[in-house]
Protein backbone atom coordinates (compact mmCIF):
# COMPACT_ATOMS: atom_id res chain seq x y z
CA MET A 1 -12.48 -68.41 83.25
CA ASP A 2 -11.70 -67.34 86.81
CA LYS A 3 -12.77 -63.96 88.23
CA MET A 4 -11.54 -62.10 91.28
CA ILE A 5 -13.30 -59.03 92.68
CA SER A 6 -12.00 -56.64 95.31
CA SER A 7 -12.93 -53.17 96.58
CA ALA A 8 -11.16 -50.46 98.53
CA VAL A 9 -12.17 -47.07 99.93
CA ALA A 10 -9.80 -44.12 100.34
CA PRO A 11 -9.98 -40.38 100.98
CA ALA A 12 -10.67 -38.36 97.86
CA SER A 13 -8.04 -35.84 96.80
CA GLY A 14 -7.52 -32.61 94.95
CA THR A 15 -4.50 -31.42 93.01
CA ILE A 16 -2.94 -28.11 92.07
CA ILE A 17 -3.15 -28.19 88.27
CA ASN A 18 -0.30 -25.72 87.66
CA GLY A 19 2.02 -28.39 89.01
CA ILE A 20 1.69 -30.29 85.73
CA ALA A 21 3.19 -27.43 83.69
CA THR A 22 5.84 -26.36 86.17
CA GLY A 23 6.88 -29.73 87.54
CA LYS A 24 5.96 -28.52 91.02
CA GLY A 25 2.59 -28.95 92.59
CA ALA A 26 0.60 -30.48 95.37
CA ALA A 27 -2.09 -33.00 96.12
CA PHE A 28 -4.24 -33.01 99.22
CA ALA A 29 -6.88 -35.22 100.81
CA ILE A 30 -10.42 -33.94 101.19
CA ASN A 31 -13.07 -35.11 103.62
CA LEU A 32 -14.91 -37.24 101.05
CA LYS A 33 -14.48 -40.86 99.99
CA VAL A 34 -13.64 -42.67 96.75
CA LYS A 35 -14.37 -46.37 96.27
CA ALA A 36 -12.75 -48.51 93.60
CA THR A 37 -13.94 -51.99 92.72
CA VAL A 38 -11.73 -54.10 90.47
CA GLU A 39 -12.81 -57.27 88.71
CA PHE A 40 -9.90 -59.32 87.35
CA ILE A 41 -10.69 -61.88 84.66
CA GLU A 42 -8.12 -64.57 83.89
CA ASP A 43 -8.77 -64.69 80.15
CA GLY A 44 -5.34 -63.96 78.64
CA ARG A 45 -6.62 -60.90 76.72
CA GLY A 46 -5.16 -58.11 78.85
CA GLU A 47 -8.05 -55.70 78.25
CA VAL A 48 -8.69 -53.04 80.90
CA LYS A 49 -11.87 -50.95 81.12
CA GLY A 50 -12.33 -48.08 83.55
CA ILE A 51 -15.76 -46.79 84.55
CA VAL A 52 -16.51 -43.72 86.66
CA LYS A 53 -19.98 -44.62 87.93
CA ASP A 54 -20.90 -41.10 89.06
CA ASN A 55 -19.80 -39.43 85.81
CA PRO A 56 -19.53 -41.80 82.82
CA LYS A 57 -18.17 -39.01 80.56
CA VAL A 58 -14.92 -38.74 82.55
CA ASP A 59 -11.76 -39.85 80.74
CA THR A 60 -10.63 -43.15 82.28
CA THR A 61 -7.24 -43.35 80.56
CA LEU A 62 -5.26 -42.89 83.79
CA ILE A 63 -7.24 -45.61 85.59
CA GLU A 64 -6.70 -48.02 82.72
CA LEU A 65 -3.00 -47.20 82.34
CA CYS A 66 -2.32 -47.72 86.06
CA VAL A 67 -4.02 -51.13 86.09
CA LYS A 68 -2.23 -52.20 82.90
CA LYS A 69 1.14 -51.21 84.39
CA VAL A 70 0.47 -53.19 87.59
CA LEU A 71 -0.61 -56.25 85.60
CA GLU A 72 2.54 -55.96 83.44
CA TYR A 73 4.77 -55.53 86.49
CA LEU A 74 3.26 -58.63 88.11
CA ASP A 75 3.42 -60.50 84.78
CA LEU A 76 -0.31 -61.29 84.89
CA ASP A 77 -2.22 -61.81 81.67
CA TYR A 78 -5.61 -60.77 83.05
CA SER A 79 -8.30 -58.42 81.85
CA ALA A 80 -9.79 -56.00 84.35
CA ARG A 81 -12.81 -53.81 84.89
CA VAL A 82 -12.40 -50.93 87.36
CA ILE A 83 -15.46 -49.10 88.66
CA THR A 84 -14.94 -45.98 90.75
CA GLU A 85 -17.58 -44.26 92.85
CA THR A 86 -17.10 -40.99 94.69
CA GLU A 87 -18.94 -38.57 96.95
CA ILE A 88 -17.37 -35.62 95.11
CA TYR A 89 -20.00 -35.16 92.39
CA GLU A 90 -22.93 -35.30 94.83
CA LYS A 91 -21.20 -32.83 97.15
CA LEU A 92 -20.55 -30.45 94.24
CA LYS A 93 -24.23 -30.58 93.25
CA GLU A 94 -25.28 -29.85 96.82
CA GLU A 95 -22.87 -26.93 97.10
CA ASN A 96 -23.94 -25.54 93.73
CA ASN A 97 -27.62 -25.64 94.76
CA ARG A 98 -26.80 -24.01 98.10
CA LEU A 99 -24.96 -21.17 96.39
CA ARG A 100 -27.78 -20.63 93.87
CA GLU A 101 -30.28 -20.33 96.71
CA ARG A 102 -28.03 -17.91 98.54
CA LEU A 103 -27.64 -15.69 95.45
CA LYS A 104 -31.41 -15.38 95.09
CA VAL A 105 -31.57 -13.49 98.41
């Protein structure tokens, strides 16, 4: 069983949630990074598992659907494991702590 592993880093992004309901919205880059590591396994099973390393409770359906669609488009019968890591959660914790300290004053 052959395995291929690759990683990429890109700017993180935010979205305007109202765009989902109205069909109009926006997405924008933020000054933080997101890293995705994909492990492809040539096993003929076509199983895809997404993992958000920084927050395992996050729904990974979109990650898994995107990878499945690419594998289908390329007619590849691989399984995949996608692990994402981001600076967003750490930055949010830092900002939350900073604001709590500021409110104590």
